[in-house]
Amino acid sequence: MPRTFSIKEVAEKFALPISTIHFYDKKGLLPFVSKNKSGHRAFTPSDLSLIHTICCLKNTGMPIGDIRKYIELCLLGPDTIEQRKTLMKAHKCKIMAQQEELLKDLQEIDKKIERYDDPNARKIITAEINHINKKEKENVKIWKSAFKKW
C-alpha cells in the first residue's frame, strides 16, 4: 500500500493553508482524494501530482470552474486527452498574452529606473513637470474660452 499524506503534510508541501485545501475540496477539485479509516483525507503520491497541477493552474489565473473541468476530464481517463489538451492550449494562450503585457510594463519600469539613474534626472524631471503644468494651463484656457461661448 503506497504511503499516504495527511492534509497538514500536503499543506506544508505546497505552502498552502489547510483552509485552501478544504476550499478546493468543496469546489470539487479534489474528488480523487480518498479518506482513511478515521475519516481523514489520505493523499497518495498521485494525488500530490494532481494537486501540484491544480496549484499551477490556479497560480496562472485559471478559473476554478475550468480547473474542475480539467480534473473531471483527467478522472475520465485517456479518452479525454484531446479535450484536456484544448483546455491547456487555451490557458497557455492567455498566460502568454499576460506575459507580453507584463514584459511591456517591465520595459516601462526599466525606462523609469534608467531615467532616475541619469545624473541629470532632477533637471529632466523638473523640465517635464514644467512642460506638463504649462500644457495644463493652456488646456484650462481653452476650456474656459469654449464654455464662455456657450
N, C-alpha and C. Protein backbone atom coordinates (compact mmCIF):
# COMPACT_ATOMS: atom_id res chain seq x y z
N MET A 1 0.85 -1.19 0.00
CA MET A 1 0.00 0.00 0.00
C MET A 1 0.89 1.25 0.00
N PRO A 2 0.64 2.18 -0.95
CA PRO A 2 1.51 3.37 -1.02
C PRO A 2 1.35 4.27 0.22
N ARG A 3 2.40 4.96 0.51
CA ARG A 3 2.37 5.90 1.63
C ARG A 3 1.33 6.97 1.35
N THR A 4 0.62 7.39 2.37
CA THR A 4 -0.33 8.49 2.22
C THR A 4 0.13 9.67 3.06
N PHE A 5 -0.41 10.82 2.72
CA PHE A 5 -0.04 12.06 3.40
C PHE A 5 -1.28 12.69 4.01
N SER A 6 -1.11 13.28 5.16
CA SER A 6 -2.22 13.98 5.82
C SER A 6 -2.42 15.34 5.16
N ILE A 7 -3.54 15.95 5.45
CA ILE A 7 -3.82 17.28 4.90
C ILE A 7 -2.77 18.28 5.38
N LYS A 8 -2.30 18.10 6.61
CA LYS A 8 -1.28 19.00 7.15
C LYS A 8 0.02 18.86 6.35
N GLU A 9 0.41 17.63 6.04
CA GLU A 9 1.63 17.40 5.26
C GLU A 9 1.51 17.98 3.85
N VAL A 10 0.32 17.83 3.26
CA VAL A 10 0.09 18.37 1.92
C VAL A 10 0.16 19.90 1.96
N ALA A 11 -0.46 20.48 2.98
CA ALA A 11 -0.44 21.93 3.13
C ALA A 11 0.99 22.44 3.24
N GLU A 12 1.80 21.76 4.03
CA GLU A 12 3.20 22.16 4.19
C GLU A 12 3.98 21.99 2.89
N LYS A 13 3.76 20.87 2.21
CA LYS A 13 4.49 20.60 0.97
C LYS A 13 4.23 21.66 -0.09
N PHE A 14 2.97 22.13 -0.19
CA PHE A 14 2.61 23.09 -1.23
C PHE A 14 2.51 24.52 -0.71
N ALA A 15 2.89 24.73 0.55
CA ALA A 15 2.83 26.06 1.17
C ALA A 15 1.44 26.66 1.03
N LEU A 16 0.44 25.84 1.33
CA LEU A 16 -0.96 26.27 1.28
C LEU A 16 -1.55 26.20 2.67
N PRO A 17 -2.45 27.12 2.99
CA PRO A 17 -3.19 26.95 4.24
C PRO A 17 -4.11 25.72 4.12
N ILE A 18 -4.32 25.04 5.22
CA ILE A 18 -5.24 23.89 5.21
C ILE A 18 -6.61 24.33 4.71
N SER A 19 -7.01 25.55 5.05
CA SER A 19 -8.33 26.05 4.62
C SER A 19 -8.43 26.11 3.09
N THR A 20 -7.32 26.36 2.41
CA THR A 20 -7.33 26.38 0.94
C THR A 20 -7.59 24.98 0.40
N ILE A 21 -6.98 23.98 1.02
CA ILE A 21 -7.21 22.60 0.57
C ILE A 21 -8.68 22.23 0.80
N HIS A 22 -9.23 22.63 1.94
CA HIS A 22 -10.67 22.39 2.19
C HIS A 22 -11.52 23.11 1.14
N PHE A 23 -11.14 24.34 0.81
CA PHE A 23 -11.87 25.11 -0.21
C PHE A 23 -11.83 24.39 -1.55
N TYR A 24 -10.65 23.93 -1.95
CA TYR A 24 -10.53 23.19 -3.21
C TYR A 24 -11.41 21.95 -3.20
N ASP A 25 -11.45 21.28 -2.06
CA ASP A 25 -12.28 20.08 -1.93
C ASP A 25 -13.76 20.43 -2.10
N LYS A 26 -14.20 21.51 -1.44
CA LYS A 26 -15.61 21.92 -1.53
C LYS A 26 -15.98 22.36 -2.95
N LYS A 27 -15.01 22.88 -3.69
CA LYS A 27 -15.26 23.33 -5.06
C LYS A 27 -15.16 22.18 -6.07
N GLY A 28 -14.93 20.97 -5.58
CA GLY A 28 -14.90 19.81 -6.46
C GLY A 28 -13.58 19.57 -7.16
N LEU A 29 -12.51 20.16 -6.65
CA LEU A 29 -11.21 19.98 -7.30
C LEU A 29 -10.45 18.75 -6.80
N LEU A 30 -10.93 18.16 -5.71
CA LEU A 30 -10.21 17.02 -5.12
C LEU A 30 -11.08 15.77 -4.99
N PRO A 31 -11.89 15.44 -5.98
CA PRO A 31 -12.77 14.27 -5.83
C PRO A 31 -12.01 12.95 -5.81
N PHE A 32 -10.76 12.99 -6.19
CA PHE A 32 -9.93 11.79 -6.27
C PHE A 32 -9.32 11.40 -4.93
N VAL A 33 -9.39 12.29 -3.93
CA VAL A 33 -8.76 12.02 -2.64
C VAL A 33 -9.68 11.13 -1.80
N SER A 34 -9.12 10.01 -1.34
CA SER A 34 -9.91 9.10 -0.50
C SER A 34 -9.73 9.47 0.97
N LYS A 35 -10.50 8.80 1.81
CA LYS A 35 -10.39 9.03 3.25
C LYS A 35 -9.94 7.75 3.92
N ASN A 36 -9.21 7.92 5.00
CA ASN A 36 -8.74 6.74 5.74
C ASN A 36 -9.83 6.23 6.68
N LYS A 37 -9.51 5.22 7.49
CA LYS A 37 -10.50 4.60 8.38
C LYS A 37 -11.09 5.58 9.37
N SER A 38 -10.33 6.58 9.76
CA SER A 38 -10.84 7.56 10.73
C SER A 38 -11.54 8.74 10.06
N GLY A 39 -11.71 8.68 8.74
CA GLY A 39 -12.46 9.72 8.02
C GLY A 39 -11.64 10.92 7.58
N HIS A 40 -10.35 10.86 7.77
CA HIS A 40 -9.48 11.96 7.34
C HIS A 40 -9.00 11.72 5.91
N ARG A 41 -8.76 12.81 5.20
CA ARG A 41 -8.25 12.68 3.83
C ARG A 41 -6.87 12.02 3.86
N ALA A 42 -6.68 11.10 2.93
CA ALA A 42 -5.40 10.40 2.80
C ALA A 42 -4.91 10.61 1.38
N PHE A 43 -3.92 11.46 1.23
CA PHE A 43 -3.40 11.84 -0.09
C PHE A 43 -2.29 10.88 -0.52
N THR A 44 -2.41 10.36 -1.73
CA THR A 44 -1.39 9.47 -2.29
C THR A 44 -0.40 10.30 -3.11
N PRO A 45 0.73 9.72 -3.48
CA PRO A 45 1.67 10.45 -4.34
C PRO A 45 1.02 10.92 -5.65
N SER A 46 0.14 10.12 -6.23
CA SER A 46 -0.52 10.56 -7.47
C SER A 46 -1.48 11.72 -7.20
N ASP A 47 -2.10 11.73 -6.00
CA ASP A 47 -2.94 12.87 -5.61
C ASP A 47 -2.09 14.14 -5.56
N LEU A 48 -0.88 14.00 -5.01
CA LEU A 48 0.01 15.16 -4.90
C LEU A 48 0.38 15.70 -6.27
N SER A 49 0.52 14.82 -7.23
CA SER A 49 0.83 15.26 -8.59
C SER A 49 -0.31 16.11 -9.16
N LEU A 50 -1.55 15.67 -8.95
CA LEU A 50 -2.69 16.46 -9.42
C LEU A 50 -2.83 17.77 -8.64
N ILE A 51 -2.54 17.73 -7.36
CA ILE A 51 -2.60 18.96 -6.56
C ILE A 51 -1.56 19.95 -7.06
N HIS A 52 -0.39 19.44 -7.42
CA HIS A 52 0.65 20.31 -7.99
C HIS A 52 0.11 21.00 -9.26
N THR A 53 -0.57 20.24 -10.11
CA THR A 53 -1.16 20.80 -11.33
C THR A 53 -2.23 21.82 -10.99
N ILE A 54 -3.07 21.51 -10.01
CA ILE A 54 -4.12 22.45 -9.59
C ILE A 54 -3.49 23.77 -9.14
N CYS A 55 -2.44 23.69 -8.34
CA CYS A 55 -1.76 24.90 -7.86
C CYS A 55 -1.18 25.69 -9.04
N CYS A 56 -0.59 24.98 -9.98
CA CYS A 56 -0.02 25.63 -11.17
C CYS A 56 -1.12 26.38 -11.94
N LEU A 57 -2.24 25.71 -12.17
CA LEU A 57 -3.33 26.33 -12.93
C LEU A 57 -3.91 27.52 -12.17
N LYS A 58 -4.08 27.36 -10.87
CA LYS A 58 -4.62 28.45 -10.05
C LYS A 58 -3.65 29.63 -10.04
N ASN A 59 -2.37 29.35 -9.86
CA ASN A 59 -1.36 30.42 -9.82
C ASN A 59 -1.26 31.18 -11.13
N THR A 60 -1.64 30.54 -12.22
CA THR A 60 -1.57 31.20 -13.52
C THR A 60 -2.92 31.76 -13.95
N GLY A 61 -3.86 31.80 -13.02
CA GLY A 61 -5.11 32.51 -13.27
C GLY A 61 -6.25 31.71 -13.86
N MET A 62 -6.14 30.40 -13.93
CA MET A 62 -7.25 29.62 -14.47
C MET A 62 -8.41 29.65 -13.47
N PRO A 63 -9.62 29.94 -13.95
CA PRO A 63 -10.78 29.95 -13.04
C PRO A 63 -11.04 28.56 -12.44
N ILE A 64 -11.59 28.56 -11.24
CA ILE A 64 -11.89 27.31 -10.52
C ILE A 64 -12.75 26.38 -11.38
N GLY A 65 -13.74 26.92 -12.07
CA GLY A 65 -14.60 26.10 -12.91
C GLY A 65 -13.84 25.37 -14.00
N ASP A 66 -12.87 26.04 -14.60
CA ASP A 66 -12.05 25.41 -15.64
C ASP A 66 -11.12 24.35 -15.04
N ILE A 67 -10.61 24.63 -13.84
CA ILE A 67 -9.76 23.63 -13.17
C ILE A 67 -10.60 22.39 -12.86
N ARG A 68 -11.82 22.60 -12.36
CA ARG A 68 -12.71 21.48 -12.06
C ARG A 68 -12.97 20.66 -13.33
N LYS A 69 -13.22 21.36 -14.45
CA LYS A 69 -13.45 20.68 -15.72
C LYS A 69 -12.22 19.84 -16.09
N TYR A 70 -11.04 20.39 -15.91
CA TYR A 70 -9.81 19.66 -16.22
C TYR A 70 -9.69 18.41 -15.36
N ILE A 71 -9.95 18.54 -14.06
CA ILE A 71 -9.87 17.39 -13.14
C ILE A 71 -10.89 16.33 -13.54
N GLU A 72 -12.10 16.77 -13.88
CA GLU A 72 -13.13 15.82 -14.32
C GLU A 72 -12.66 15.06 -15.55
N LEU A 73 -12.06 15.77 -16.49
CA LEU A 73 -11.54 15.12 -17.69
C LEU A 73 -10.44 14.12 -17.35
N CYS A 74 -9.56 14.49 -16.43
CA CYS A 74 -8.49 13.58 -16.02
C CYS A 74 -9.07 12.29 -15.44
N LEU A 75 -10.10 12.44 -14.63
CA LEU A 75 -10.70 11.27 -13.98
C LEU A 75 -11.43 10.37 -14.97
N LEU A 76 -11.80 10.91 -16.12
CA LEU A 76 -12.49 10.11 -17.13
C LEU A 76 -11.52 9.23 -17.94
N GLY A 77 -10.24 9.48 -17.80
CA GLY A 77 -9.26 8.61 -18.45
C GLY A 77 -8.71 9.15 -19.75
N PRO A 78 -7.99 8.29 -20.47
CA PRO A 78 -7.25 8.73 -21.66
C PRO A 78 -8.12 9.15 -22.84
N ASP A 79 -9.40 8.80 -22.83
CA ASP A 79 -10.26 9.22 -23.94
C ASP A 79 -10.47 10.73 -23.98
N THR A 80 -10.07 11.43 -22.91
CA THR A 80 -10.29 12.88 -22.84
C THR A 80 -9.01 13.68 -23.11
N ILE A 81 -8.00 13.02 -23.60
CA ILE A 81 -6.71 13.69 -23.81
C ILE A 81 -6.85 14.91 -24.73
N GLU A 82 -7.57 14.78 -25.82
CA GLU A 82 -7.72 15.92 -26.75
C GLU A 82 -8.44 17.08 -26.08
N GLN A 83 -9.46 16.79 -25.28
CA GLN A 83 -10.18 17.87 -24.58
C GLN A 83 -9.26 18.55 -23.57
N ARG A 84 -8.48 17.76 -22.87
CA ARG A 84 -7.54 18.33 -21.89
C ARG A 84 -6.51 19.21 -22.60
N LYS A 85 -6.02 18.71 -23.72
CA LYS A 85 -5.02 19.47 -24.48
C LYS A 85 -5.60 20.79 -24.96
N THR A 86 -6.85 20.78 -25.42
CA THR A 86 -7.52 22.00 -25.87
C THR A 86 -7.62 23.00 -24.72
N LEU A 87 -8.02 22.51 -23.55
CA LEU A 87 -8.14 23.36 -22.36
C LEU A 87 -6.78 23.97 -21.99
N MET A 88 -5.75 23.15 -22.02
CA MET A 88 -4.40 23.63 -21.67
C MET A 88 -3.88 24.63 -22.69
N LYS A 89 -4.12 24.37 -23.97
CA LYS A 89 -3.64 25.30 -25.00
C LYS A 89 -4.32 26.66 -24.88
N ALA A 90 -5.62 26.66 -24.59
CA ALA A 90 -6.35 27.93 -24.42
C ALA A 90 -5.79 28.69 -23.23
N HIS A 91 -5.52 27.97 -22.15
CA HIS A 91 -4.98 28.62 -20.95
C HIS A 91 -3.57 29.15 -21.23
N LYS A 92 -2.78 28.38 -21.96
CA LYS A 92 -1.43 28.81 -22.30
C LYS A 92 -1.46 30.11 -23.11
N CYS A 93 -2.40 30.22 -24.04
CA CYS A 93 -2.52 31.45 -24.84
C CYS A 93 -2.81 32.65 -23.96
N LYS A 94 -3.68 32.47 -22.97
CA LYS A 94 -4.00 33.57 -22.04
C LYS A 94 -2.76 33.96 -21.24
N ILE A 95 -2.03 32.97 -20.77
CA ILE A 95 -0.81 33.25 -19.99
C ILE A 95 0.21 33.98 -20.85
N MET A 96 0.37 33.56 -22.08
CA MET A 96 1.35 34.21 -22.96
C MET A 96 0.97 35.65 -23.26
N ALA A 97 -0.32 35.92 -23.41
CA ALA A 97 -0.77 37.30 -23.62
C ALA A 97 -0.48 38.14 -22.38
N GLN A 98 -0.73 37.58 -21.20
CA GLN A 98 -0.42 38.28 -19.96
C GLN A 98 1.08 38.53 -19.84
N GLN A 99 1.85 37.54 -20.25
CA GLN A 99 3.30 37.66 -20.19
C GLN A 99 3.79 38.80 -21.10
N GLU A 100 3.19 38.93 -22.28
CA GLU A 100 3.56 40.02 -23.18
C GLU A 100 3.25 41.38 -22.55
N GLU A 101 2.08 41.48 -21.92
CA GLU A 101 1.72 42.73 -21.26
C GLU A 101 2.67 43.04 -20.10
N LEU A 102 3.00 42.02 -19.34
CA LEU A 102 3.94 42.21 -18.24
C LEU A 102 5.32 42.64 -18.75
N LEU A 103 5.73 42.09 -19.87
CA LEU A 103 7.02 42.47 -20.46
C LEU A 103 7.02 43.94 -20.86
N LYS A 104 5.91 44.40 -21.45
CA LYS A 104 5.80 45.82 -21.80
C LYS A 104 5.87 46.69 -20.55
N ASP A 105 5.16 46.27 -19.50
CA ASP A 105 5.18 47.02 -18.25
C ASP A 105 6.58 47.03 -17.64
N LEU A 106 7.26 45.91 -17.73
CA LEU A 106 8.62 45.82 -17.20
C LEU A 106 9.56 46.75 -17.97
N GLN A 107 9.37 46.85 -19.27
CA GLN A 107 10.20 47.76 -20.07
C GLN A 107 9.96 49.21 -19.65
N GLU A 108 8.73 49.56 -19.36
CA GLU A 108 8.42 50.91 -18.88
C GLU A 108 9.10 51.17 -17.54
N ILE A 109 9.06 50.19 -16.67
CA ILE A 109 9.71 50.32 -15.37
C ILE A 109 11.22 50.48 -15.55
N ASP A 110 11.80 49.71 -16.45
CA ASP A 110 13.24 49.84 -16.73
C ASP A 110 13.58 51.25 -17.24
N LYS A 111 12.72 51.81 -18.10
CA LYS A 111 12.95 53.18 -18.59
C LYS A 111 12.97 54.17 -17.44
N LYS A 112 12.03 54.00 -16.51
CA LYS A 112 11.97 54.91 -15.36
C LYS A 112 13.24 54.78 -14.52
N ILE A 113 13.67 53.56 -14.28
CA ILE A 113 14.89 53.35 -13.49
C ILE A 113 16.09 54.00 -14.19
N GLU A 114 16.19 53.82 -15.51
CA GLU A 114 17.28 54.45 -16.27
C GLU A 114 17.23 55.96 -16.11
N ARG A 115 16.02 56.52 -16.20
CA ARG A 115 15.86 57.97 -16.07
C ARG A 115 16.34 58.42 -14.69
N TYR A 116 15.95 57.67 -13.65
CA TYR A 116 16.33 58.07 -12.30
C TYR A 116 17.82 57.87 -12.04
N ASP A 117 18.46 57.00 -12.81
CA ASP A 117 19.91 56.80 -12.70
C ASP A 117 20.70 57.89 -13.42
N ASP A 118 20.06 58.60 -14.32
CA ASP A 118 20.72 59.66 -15.09
C ASP A 118 21.21 60.75 -14.14
N PRO A 119 22.46 61.19 -14.30
CA PRO A 119 22.97 62.26 -13.43
C PRO A 119 22.15 63.55 -13.52
N ASN A 120 21.46 63.74 -14.64
CA ASN A 120 20.63 64.94 -14.82
C ASN A 120 19.16 64.68 -14.53
N ALA A 121 18.87 63.63 -13.78
CA ALA A 121 17.48 63.23 -13.53
C ALA A 121 16.65 64.38 -12.95
N ARG A 122 17.20 65.09 -11.99
CA ARG A 122 16.45 66.18 -11.35
C ARG A 122 16.06 67.25 -12.38
N LYS A 123 17.00 67.63 -13.24
CA LYS A 123 16.73 68.65 -14.26
C LYS A 123 15.69 68.15 -15.26
N ILE A 124 15.84 66.90 -15.70
CA ILE A 124 14.92 66.33 -16.69
C ILE A 124 13.50 66.29 -16.13
N ILE A 125 13.36 65.81 -14.91
CA ILE A 125 12.03 65.68 -14.31
C ILE A 125 11.42 67.05 -14.05
N THR A 126 12.22 68.00 -13.60
CA THR A 126 11.72 69.36 -13.38
C THR A 126 11.23 69.96 -14.69
N ALA A 127 11.98 69.77 -15.76
CA ALA A 127 11.57 70.28 -17.08
C ALA A 127 10.27 69.62 -17.53
N GLU A 128 10.12 68.33 -17.29
CA GLU A 128 8.88 67.63 -17.66
C GLU A 128 7.69 68.18 -16.88
N ILE A 129 7.88 68.38 -15.59
CA ILE A 129 6.80 68.92 -14.76
C ILE A 129 6.40 70.30 -15.24
N ASN A 130 7.39 71.14 -15.54
CA ASN A 130 7.09 72.49 -16.03
C ASN A 130 6.33 72.42 -17.35
N HIS A 131 6.72 71.51 -18.23
CA HIS A 131 6.04 71.34 -19.52
C HIS A 131 4.59 70.90 -19.30
N ILE A 132 4.39 69.94 -18.41
CA ILE A 132 3.03 69.45 -18.12
C ILE A 132 2.19 70.58 -17.53
N ASN A 133 2.74 71.32 -16.59
CA ASN A 133 2.00 72.42 -15.98
C ASN A 133 1.61 73.47 -17.02
N LYS A 134 2.53 73.77 -17.93
CA LYS A 134 2.25 74.74 -18.99
C LYS A 134 1.11 74.24 -19.87
N LYS A 135 1.16 72.95 -20.25
CA LYS A 135 0.10 72.36 -21.09
C LYS A 135 -1.24 72.40 -20.37
N GLU A 136 -1.24 72.09 -19.07
CA GLU A 136 -2.49 72.11 -18.30
C GLU A 136 -3.08 73.51 -18.26
N LYS A 137 -2.24 74.51 -18.07
CA LYS A 137 -2.73 75.89 -18.06
C LYS A 137 -3.32 76.27 -19.41
N GLU A 138 -2.66 75.84 -20.49
CA GLU A 138 -3.19 76.11 -21.83
C GLU A 138 -4.53 75.41 -22.03
N ASN A 139 -4.64 74.18 -21.56
CA ASN A 139 -5.91 73.44 -21.69
C ASN A 139 -7.03 74.09 -20.90
N VAL A 140 -6.71 74.60 -19.72
CA VAL A 140 -7.71 75.29 -18.90
C VAL A 140 -8.20 76.53 -19.63
N LYS A 141 -7.29 77.28 -20.24
CA LYS A 141 -7.67 78.47 -21.01
C LYS A 141 -8.59 78.09 -22.17
N ILE A 142 -8.25 77.03 -22.86
CA ILE A 142 -9.08 76.57 -24.00
C ILE A 142 -10.47 76.20 -23.52
N TRP A 143 -10.55 75.46 -22.43
CA TRP A 143 -11.86 75.05 -21.90
C TRP A 143 -12.67 76.26 -21.44
N LYS A 144 -12.02 77.20 -20.77
CA LYS A 144 -12.74 78.39 -20.30
C LYS A 144 -13.29 79.18 -21.47
N SER A 145 -12.49 79.35 -22.51
CA SER A 145 -12.98 80.11 -23.66
C SER A 145 -14.09 79.34 -24.38
N ALA A 146 -14.01 78.03 -24.41
CA ALA A 146 -15.06 77.23 -25.05
C ALA A 146 -16.37 77.35 -24.27
N PHE A 147 -16.29 77.36 -22.93
CA PHE A 147 -17.50 77.45 -22.12
C PHE A 147 -18.11 78.85 -22.16
N LYS A 148 -17.27 79.87 -22.36
CA LYS A 148 -17.79 81.24 -22.45
C LYS A 148 -18.68 81.38 -23.66
N LYS A 149 -18.37 80.65 -24.73
CA LYS A 149 -19.14 80.74 -25.97
C LYS A 149 -20.53 80.13 -25.79
N TRP A 150 -20.70 79.28 -24.83
CA TRP A 150 -21.99 78.62 -24.62
C TRP A 150 -22.85 79.56 -23.86
